[in-house]
C-alpha atoms as a PDB file:
ATOM      1  CA  VAL A   1     109.054 123.343  80.835  1.00  0.00           C
ATOM      2  CA  THR A   2     112.085 121.008  81.014  1.00  0.00           C
ATOM      3  CA  ASN A   3     114.407 120.846  84.087  1.00  0.00           C
ATOM      4  CA  GLY A   4     117.918 120.400  82.785  1.00  0.00           C
ATOM      5  CA  PHE A   5     119.174 118.831  85.935  1.00  0.00           C
ATOM      6  CA  LEU A   6     116.447 116.348  86.624  1.00  0.00           C
ATOM      7  CA  ASN A   7     115.394 115.961  82.908  1.00  0.00           C
ATOM      8  CA  GLN A   8     111.712 115.909  83.770  1.00  0.00           C
ATOM      9  CA  LYS A   9     108.794 117.683  82.320  1.00  0.00           C
ATOM     10  CA  TYR A  10     106.676 119.998  84.581  1.00  0.00           C
ATOM     11  CA  ASP A  11     103.142 121.486  84.302  1.00  0.00           C
ATOM     12  CA  TYR A  12     104.191 125.032  84.526  1.00  0.00           C
ATOM     13  CA  PHE A  13     107.056 127.149  85.910  1.00  0.00           C
ATOM     14  CA  VAL A  14     107.300 130.560  87.645  1.00  0.00           C
ATOM     15  CA  VAL A  15     110.594 132.195  87.450  1.00  0.00           C
ATOM     16  CA  PRO A  16     111.943 132.305  91.081  1.00  0.00           C
ATOM     17  CA  CYS A  17     113.384 135.914  90.661  1.00  0.00           C
ATOM     18  CA  MET A  18     110.034 137.392  89.699  1.00  0.00           C
ATOM     19  CA  GLY A  19     111.135 141.062  90.274  1.00  0.00           C
ATOM     20  CA  ASP A  20     113.322 143.329  88.228  1.00  0.00           C
ATOM     21  CA  GLU A  21     116.307 140.930  88.713  1.00  0.00           C
ATOM     22  CA  GLY A  22     114.529 138.406  86.428  1.00  0.00           C
ATOM     23  CA  LEU A  23     114.263 140.736  83.538  1.00  0.00           C
ATOM     24  CA  ALA A  24     117.549 139.593  82.175  1.00  0.00           C
ATOM     25  CA  LEU A  25     116.361 136.019  82.317  1.00  0.00           C
ATOM     26  CA  GLY A  26     113.265 137.130  80.488  1.00  0.00           C
ATOM     27  CA  ALA A  27     115.115 138.782  77.754  1.00  0.00           C
ATOM     28  CA  ALA A  28     117.294 135.555  77.340  1.00  0.00           C
ATOM     29  CA  ALA A  29     114.208 133.333  77.342  1.00  0.00           C
ATOM     30  CA  TYR A  30     112.615 135.483  74.592  1.00  0.00           C
ATOM     31  CA  GLY A  31     115.730 135.458  72.477  1.00  0.00           C
ATOM     32  CA  ALA A  32     115.991 131.735  72.790  1.00  0.00           C
ATOM     33  CA  TYR A  33     112.289 131.490  71.852  1.00  0.00           C
ATOM     34  CA  ILE A  34     112.526 133.585  68.661  1.00  0.00           C
ATOM     35  CA  ASN A  35     115.782 131.811  67.659  1.00  0.00           C
ATOM     36  CA  LYS A  36     114.314 128.279  68.452  1.00  0.00           C
ATOM     37  CA  ILE A  37     116.957 127.605  71.002  1.00  0.00           C
ATOM     38  CA  LYS A  38     115.894 125.083  73.704  1.00  0.00           C
ATOM     39  CA  LEU A  39     116.425 126.243  77.184  1.00  0.00           C
ATOM     40  CA  SER A  40     116.884 124.187  80.439  1.00  0.00           C
ATOM     41  CA  PHE A  41     116.529 125.237  84.048  1.00  0.00           C
ATOM     42  CA  ASP A  42     118.802 123.832  86.814  1.00  0.00           C
ATOM     43  CA  HIS A  43     117.304 123.173  90.141  1.00  0.00           C
ATOM     44  CA  ASN A  44     119.732 125.331  92.017  1.00  0.00           C
ATOM     45  CA  ILE A  45     119.176 129.085  92.062  1.00  0.00           C
ATOM     46  CA  CYS A  46     121.845 129.859  94.664  1.00  0.00           C
ATOM     47  CA  LEU A  47     123.961 131.976  92.378  1.00  0.00           C
ATOM     48  CA  GLY A  48     125.163 134.867  94.736  1.00  0.00           C
ATOM     49  CA  PHE A  49     127.819 135.707  97.074  1.00  0.00           C
ATOM     50  CA  GLU A  50     129.407 132.625  98.699  1.00  0.00           C
ATOM     51  CA  SER A  51     130.096 131.870 102.278  1.00  0.00           C
ATOM     52  CA  PRO A  52     131.608 128.700 103.715  1.00  0.00           C
ATOM     53  CA  LYS A  53     129.331 125.642 103.469  1.00  0.00           C
ATOM     54  CA  ASN A  54     128.036 124.043 106.618  1.00  0.00           C
ATOM     55  CA  LYS A  55     128.808 120.292 106.785  1.00  0.00           C
ATOM     56  CA  ASN A  56     129.416 118.956 110.418  1.00  0.00           C
ATOM     57  CA  ILE A  57     126.722 120.866 112.311  1.00  0.00           C
ATOM     58  CA  ASN A  58     125.264 119.157 115.546  1.00  0.00           C
ATOM     59  CA  ILE A  59     121.764 118.564 114.163  1.00  0.00           C
ATOM     60  CA  ASP A  60     120.392 117.242 117.420  1.00  0.00           C
ATOM     61  CA  TYR A  61     121.318 120.428 119.247  1.00  0.00           C
ATOM     62  CA  ILE A  62     119.646 122.521 116.498  1.00  0.00           C
ATOM     63  CA  VAL A  63     116.511 120.366 116.761  1.00  0.00           C
ATOM     64  CA  GLU A  64     116.380 120.691 120.570  1.00  0.00           C
ATOM     65  CA  SER A  65     116.821 124.555 120.169  1.00  0.00           C
ATOM     66  CA  LEU A  66     113.768 124.562 117.816  1.00  0.00           C
ATOM     67  CA  LYS A  67     111.717 122.512 120.250  1.00  0.00           C
ATOM     68  CA  ASN A  68     112.594 125.099 122.842  1.00  0.00           C
ATOM     69  CA  LYS A  69     111.211 127.814 120.642  1.00  0.00           C
ATOM     70  CA  LYS A  70     114.539 129.238 119.552  1.00  0.00           C
ATOM     71  CA  ILE A  71     114.959 131.441 116.590  1.00  0.00           C
ATOM     72  CA  ILE A  72     117.692 130.280 114.284  1.00  0.00           C
ATOM     73  CA  GLY A  73     119.487 131.968 111.503  1.00  0.00           C
ATOM     74  CA  ILE A  74     121.362 130.042 108.691  1.00  0.00           C
ATOM     75  CA  ILE A  75     124.098 131.251 106.380  1.00  0.00           C
ATOM     76  CA  ASP A  76     125.234 128.490 104.087  1.00  0.00           C
ATOM     77  CA  GLY A  77     127.060 128.702 100.757  1.00  0.00           C
ATOM     78  CA  LYS A  78     125.929 130.949  97.954  1.00  0.00           C
ATOM     79  CA  MET A  79     123.111 133.403  98.473  1.00  0.00           C
ATOM     80  CA  GLU A  80     119.700 132.753  96.757  1.00  0.00           C
ATOM     81  CA  PHE A  81     119.033 134.675  93.493  1.00  0.00           C
ATOM     82  CA  GLY A  82     115.717 136.376  93.925  1.00  0.00           C
ATOM     83  CA  PRO A  83     113.459 137.600  96.669  1.00  0.00           C
ATOM     84  CA  ARG A  84     113.015 134.256  98.567  1.00  0.00           C
ATOM     85  CA  ALA A  85     115.188 132.752 101.310  1.00  0.00           C
ATOM     86  CA  LEU A  86     115.437 129.141 100.511  1.00  0.00           C
ATOM     87  CA  GLY A  87     117.747 127.748 103.183  1.00  0.00           C
ATOM     88  CA  SER A  88     120.980 129.630 102.358  1.00  0.00           C
ATOM     89  CA  ARG A  89     119.965 132.851 104.160  1.00  0.00           C
ATOM     90  CA  SER A  90     116.998 131.755 106.205  1.00  0.00           C
ATOM     91  CA  ILE A  91     115.653 132.149 109.718  1.00  0.00           C
ATOM     92  CA  ILE A  92     113.716 128.964 110.904  1.00  0.00           C
ATOM     93  CA  SER A  93     111.638 128.277 113.844  1.00  0.00           C
ATOM     94  CA  ASP A  94     108.833 126.111 115.283  1.00  0.00           C
ATOM     95  CA  PRO A  95     105.516 126.486 113.291  1.00  0.00           C
ATOM     96  CA  GLN A  96     102.998 125.420 115.923  1.00  0.00           C
ATOM     97  CA  ASN A  97     101.841 128.632 117.312  1.00  0.00           C
ATOM     98  CA  ASN A  98     100.950 132.140 116.017  1.00  0.00           C
ATOM     99  CA  SER A  99     102.881 133.707 118.919  1.00  0.00           C
ATOM    100  CA  MET A 100     106.113 132.766 117.175  1.00  0.00           C
ATOM    101  CA  ASN A 101     105.128 134.929 114.202  1.00  0.00           C
ATOM    102  CA  GLU A 102     104.742 137.900 116.564  1.00  0.00           C
ATOM    103  CA  THR A 103     107.997 137.172 118.225  1.00  0.00           C
ATOM    104  CA  ILE A 104     109.997 137.011 115.042  1.00  0.00           C
ATOM    105  CA  ASN A 105     108.413 139.993 113.451  1.00  0.00           C
ATOM    106  CA  SER A 106     109.034 141.984 116.629  1.00  0.00           C
ATOM    107  CA  ARG A 107     112.695 141.002 116.702  1.00  0.00           C
ATOM    108  CA  LEU A 108     113.229 141.818 112.996  1.00  0.00           C
ATOM    109  CA  GLY A 109     111.209 145.155 113.109  1.00  0.00           C
ATOM    110  CA  ARG A 110     108.558 143.674 110.807  1.00  0.00           C
ATOM    111  CA  VAL A 111     104.824 144.602 111.038  1.00  0.00           C
ATOM    112  CA  GLU A 112     102.860 141.953 112.988  1.00  0.00           C
ATOM    113  CA  TYR A 113     100.738 140.689 109.945  1.00  0.00           C
ATOM    114  CA  MET A 114     103.596 139.678 107.863  1.00  0.00           C
ATOM    115  CA  PRO A 115     103.161 135.961 107.132  1.00  0.00           C
ATOM    116  CA  PHE A 116     105.606 133.178 107.086  1.00  0.00           C
ATOM    117  CA  ALA A 117     106.170 130.229 104.818  1.00  0.00           C
ATOM    118  CA  PRO A 118     106.788 126.560 105.581  1.00  0.00           C
ATOM    119  CA  VAL A 119     109.694 124.494 104.536  1.00  0.00           C
ATOM    120  CA  ILE A 120     108.539 120.989 104.188  1.00  0.00           C
ATOM    121  CA  LEU A 121     110.112 117.642 103.067  1.00  0.00           C
ATOM    122  CA  GLU A 122     109.094 116.458  99.537  1.00  0.00           C
ATOM    123  CA  ASN A 123     108.179 113.037 100.905  1.00  0.00           C
ATOM    124  CA  LEU A 124     105.638 114.721 103.334  1.00  0.00           C
ATOM    125  CA  ALA A 125     104.272 117.361 100.850  1.00  0.00           C
ATOM    126  CA  ASN A 126     101.313 115.196  99.525  1.00  0.00           C
ATOM    127  CA  GLU A 127     100.330 114.256 103.093  1.00  0.00           C
ATOM    128  CA  VAL A 128     100.013 117.931 104.135  1.00  0.00           C
ATOM    129  CA  LEU A 129      99.242 119.971 100.949  1.00  0.00           C
ATOM    130  CA  GLU A 130      96.098 119.493  98.835  1.00  0.00           C
ATOM    131  CA  GLY A 131      96.873 119.211  95.107  1.00  0.00           C
ATOM    132  CA  TRP A 132     100.650 119.182  95.380  1.00  0.00           C
ATOM    133  CA  SER A 133     102.552 117.224  92.726  1.00  0.00           C
ATOM    134  CA  LYS A 134     106.185 116.424  91.926  1.00  0.00           C
ATOM    135  CA  LYS A 135     105.518 118.302  88.562  1.00  0.00           C
ATOM    136  CA  HIS A 136     105.135 121.478  90.454  1.00  0.00           C
ATOM    137  CA  LEU A 137     108.802 122.486  90.242  1.00  0.00           C
ATOM    138  CA  SER A 138     107.951 126.061  91.455  1.00  0.00           C
ATOM    139  CA  ALA A 139     106.909 124.769  94.879  1.00  0.00           C
ATOM    140  CA  SER A 140     110.631 124.350  95.578  1.00  0.00           C
ATOM    141  CA  HIS A 141     110.973 128.210  95.219  1.00  0.00           C
ATOM    142  CA  MET A 142     108.071 129.276  97.418  1.00  0.00           C
ATOM    143  CA  THR A 143     105.995 130.750  94.541  1.00  0.00           C
ATOM    144  CA  LEU A 144     102.894 128.599  94.648  1.00  0.00           C
ATOM    145  CA  THR A 145     100.201 128.234  97.338  1.00  0.00           C
ATOM    146  CA  TYR A 146      98.296 125.201  98.475  1.00  0.00           C
ATOM    147  CA  LYS A 147      95.467 124.605 100.876  1.00  0.00           C
ATOM    148  CA  VAL A 148      96.631 122.758 103.982  1.00  0.00           C
ATOM    149  CA  LYS A 149      94.737 119.464 104.701  1.00  0.00           C
ATOM    150  CA  LYS A 150      92.452 119.750 107.631  1.00  0.00           C
ATOM    151  CA  LYS A 151      94.254 117.440 109.994  1.00  0.00           C
ATOM    152  CA  TYR A 152      97.424 119.773 109.891  1.00  0.00           C
ATOM    153  CA  GLN A 153      95.739 123.254 109.939  1.00  0.00           C
ATOM    154  CA  GLN A 154      95.937 123.697 113.668  1.00  0.00           C
ATOM    155  CA  LEU A 155      99.280 121.708 114.134  1.00  0.00           C
ATOM    156  CA  ILE A 156     101.213 124.245 111.901  1.00  0.00           C
ATOM    157  CA  LYS A 157      99.078 127.241 112.394  1.00  0.00           C
ATOM    158  CA  GLY A 158     102.103 129.516 112.580  1.00  0.00           C
ATOM    159  CA  VAL A 159     102.516 129.086 108.837  1.00  0.00           C
ATOM    160  CA  VAL A 160      98.903 128.868 107.682  1.00  0.00           C
ATOM    161  CA  HIS A 161      97.089 131.852 106.120  1.00  0.00           C
ATOM    162  CA  PHE A 162      93.497 132.878 107.181  1.00  0.00           C
ATOM    163  CA  ASP A 163      92.171 130.927 104.183  1.00  0.00           C
ATOM    164  CA  ASN A 164      94.036 127.790 105.264  1.00  0.00           C
ATOM    165  CA  THR A 165      96.534 128.040 102.483  1.00  0.00           C
ATOM    166  CA  VAL A 166     100.349 128.041 102.604  1.00  0.00           C
ATOM    167  CA  ARG A 167     103.219 129.131 100.298  1.00  0.00           C
ATOM    168  CA  PRO A 168     105.676 126.376 100.866  1.00  0.00           C
ATOM    169  CA  GLN A 169     109.295 125.496  99.954  1.00  0.00           C
ATOM    170  CA  VAL A 170     109.300 121.850  99.268  1.00  0.00           C
ATOM    171  CA  ILE A 171     112.710 120.324  99.556  1.00  0.00           C
ATOM    172  CA  ASN A 172     114.485 117.102  98.803  1.00  0.00           C
ATOM    173  CA  LYS A 173     118.193 116.121  99.068  1.00  0.00           C
ATOM    174  CA  ASN A 174     118.960 117.469  95.487  1.00  0.00           C
ATOM    175  CA  ASN A 175     117.328 120.941  95.582  1.00  0.00           C
ATOM    176  CA  THR A 176     118.678 122.387  99.005  1.00  0.00           C
ATOM    177  CA  ASN A 177     121.766 122.403 101.173  1.00  0.00           C
ATOM    178  CA  GLN A 178     122.484 119.399 103.217  1.00  0.00           C
ATOM    179  CA  VAL A 179     122.394 120.894 106.819  1.00  0.00           C
ATOM    180  CA  TYR A 180     119.057 122.600 106.117  1.00  0.00           C
ATOM    181  CA  TYR A 181     117.459 119.399 104.772  1.00  0.00           C
ATOM    182  CA  ASN A 182     118.866 117.363 107.734  1.00  0.00           C
ATOM    183  CA  ILE A 183     117.329 119.846 110.365  1.00  0.00           C
ATOM    184  CA  VAL A 184     113.894 119.599 108.711  1.00  0.00           C
ATOM    185  CA  GLU A 185     114.071 115.888 108.449  1.00  0.00           C
ATOM    186  CA  LYS A 186     115.377 115.295 112.072  1.00  0.00           C
ATOM    187  CA  TYR A 187     112.876 117.790 113.521  1.00  0.00           C
ATOM    188  CA  PHE A 188     110.057 115.836 111.842  1.00  0.00           C
ATOM    189  CA  TYR A 189     111.359 112.530 113.179  1.00  0.00           C
ATOM    190  CA  LYS A 190     111.688 114.085 116.731  1.00  0.00           C
ATOM    191  CA  THR A 191     108.250 115.860 116.791  1.00  0.00           C
ATOM    192  CA  LYS A 192     106.112 114.599 113.925  1.00  0.00           C
ATOM    193  CA  ILE A 193     105.593 118.154 112.824  1.00  0.00           C
ATOM    194  CA  PRO A 194     106.096 118.065 109.112  1.00  0.00           C
ATOM    195  CA  CYS A 195     107.608 121.587 108.561  1.00  0.00           C
ATOM    196  CA  LEU A 196     109.385 124.635 109.940  1.00  0.00           C
ATOM    197  CA  ILE A 197     108.918 128.287 109.570  1.00  0.00           C
ATOM    198  CA  ASN A 198     111.227 129.690 106.947  1.00  0.00           C
ATOM    199  CA  THR A 199     111.566 133.444 106.582  1.00  0.00           C
ATOM    200  CA  SER A 200     114.310 135.537 104.996  1.00  0.00           C
ATOM    201  CA  PHE A 201     117.366 136.375 107.193  1.00  0.00           C
ATOM    202  CA  ASN A 202     117.087 140.166 107.353  1.00  0.00           C
ATOM    203  CA  ALA A 203     115.584 142.906 109.331  1.00  0.00           C
ATOM    204  CA  HIS A 204     112.695 144.879 107.998  1.00  0.00           C
ATOM    205  CA  GLY A 205     113.739 147.252 105.212  1.00  0.00           C
ATOM    206  CA  GLU A 206     117.172 145.698 105.045  1.00  0.00           C
ATOM    207  CA  PRO A 207     118.722 143.381 102.499  1.00  0.00           C
ATOM    208  CA  ILE A 208     119.184 139.698 103.181  1.00  0.00           C
ATOM    209  CA  LEU A 209     122.339 139.124 105.084  1.00  0.00           C
ATOM    210  CA  LEU A 210     125.511 138.644 103.160  1.00  0.00           C
ATOM    211  CA  ASP A 211     128.060 136.636 105.074  1.00  0.00           C
ATOM    212  CA  VAL A 212     129.032 135.375 108.544  1.00  0.00           C
ATOM    213  CA  GLU A 213     129.886 138.811 109.929  1.00  0.00           C
ATOM    214  CA  ASP A 214     126.463 139.930 109.197  1.00  0.00           C
ATOM    215  CA  GLY A 215     124.951 136.876 110.891  1.00  0.00           C
ATOM    216  CA  ILE A 216     127.013 137.426 113.982  1.00  0.00           C
ATOM    217  CA  ASN A 217     125.761 141.041 114.184  1.00  0.00           C
ATOM    218  CA  ALA A 218     122.242 139.918 113.917  1.00  0.00           C
ATOM    219  CA  LEU A 219     122.947 137.524 116.853  1.00  0.00           C
ATOM    220  CA  LYS A 220     124.442 140.263 118.921  1.00  0.00           C
ATOM    221  CA  ASN A 221     121.460 142.499 118.173  1.00  0.00           C
ATOM    222  CA  ASN A 222     119.056 139.838 119.367  1.00  0.00           C
ATOM    223  CA  ARG A 223     117.512 139.324 116.025  1.00  0.00           C
ATOM    224  CA  ILE A 224     118.033 135.531 116.430  1.00  0.00           C
ATOM    225  CA  ASP A 225     118.900 133.226 119.295  1.00  0.00           C
ATOM    226  CA  VAL A 226     121.303 130.815 117.394  1.00  0.00           C
ATOM    227  CA  LEU A 227     123.471 131.281 114.258  1.00  0.00           C
ATOM    228  CA  ILE A 228     124.554 128.401 111.967  1.00  0.00           C
ATOM    229  CA  ALA A 229     127.445 129.637 109.825  1.00  0.00           C
ATOM    230  CA  ASN A 230     130.998 128.986 108.733  1.00  0.00           C
ATOM    231  CA  ASN A 231     130.365 125.388 109.822  1.00  0.00           C
ATOM    232  CA  ASN A 232     129.786 126.481 113.408  1.00  0.00           C
ATOM    233  CA  ILE A 233     126.929 127.005 115.813  1.00  0.00           C
ATOM    234  CA  TYR A 234     127.141 130.559 117.425  1.00  0.00           C
ATOM    235  CA  GLN A 235     125.217 131.796 120.445  1.00  0.00           C
ATOM    236  CA  ILE A 236     125.493 134.755 122.967  1.00  0.00           C
ATOM    237  CA  GLU A 237     126.162 133.668 126.557  1.00  0.00           C
ATOM    238  CA  ASN A 238     126.813 136.076 129.438  1.00  0.00           C
ATOM    239  CA  ASN A 239     127.237 138.724 126.754  1.00  0.00           C
ATOM    240  CA  GLN A 240     130.022 136.807 125.063  1.00  0.00           C
ATOM    241  CA  LEU A 241     129.923 135.268 121.613  1.00  0.00           C
ATOM    242  CA  VAL A 242     130.474 131.421 121.947  1.00  0.00           C
ATOM    243  CA  ILE A 243     130.678 128.531 119.657  1.00  0.00           C
ATOM    244  CA  LYS A 244     128.714 125.493 120.661  1.00  0.00           C
ATOM    245  CA  LYS A 245     129.835 121.978 119.978  1.00  0.00           C
END
């Protein structure tokens, strides 16, 4: 498989939109194959509805909120194409304790055993994940699993499955949005914890949120503690919606 944006060859590739929404891509790929047309795949699968990009967010404030176990929602630019939240419509939080899973699942109305995935910087992936390689393009789309190296299994147990595996989203500055990357990077520098919980920004049985208005409703309904959207940081204080600077 050749990535058109990076012009590199990869070992194998799993289509990120692996549900019914991927049928059109499959038909196009088959048509290209039988007609001997070469296909390329761009790294960016954010092809959906577009909200304003976040650019000037106070990253230090967000990192402190994460250290204080706050649950943070992100709405940033175009929605992801497919079933995975990859930083455009994501909920992020601290990965150190299983209790965070219970808290998030409860507030989103999900069953308590639903697992979460880690988002991890590419330059840390080989340190944490057994067998990871830059050739694994699909690791950036949360479609591959890896065993976590022993020294990290307890440190990030909020995202580690019972068999000590994780299904990560591995990010670099080219394959994700700027604010999302900066949060994960600064969190590592402040805490030495190499990842964050990343789960889709929606309540159980509901679609992933569309826009800023949906995000503010989630904040008002106590689904999250902090919202990053529309190049602002929103919170509820004294029953009032406020913008933090």
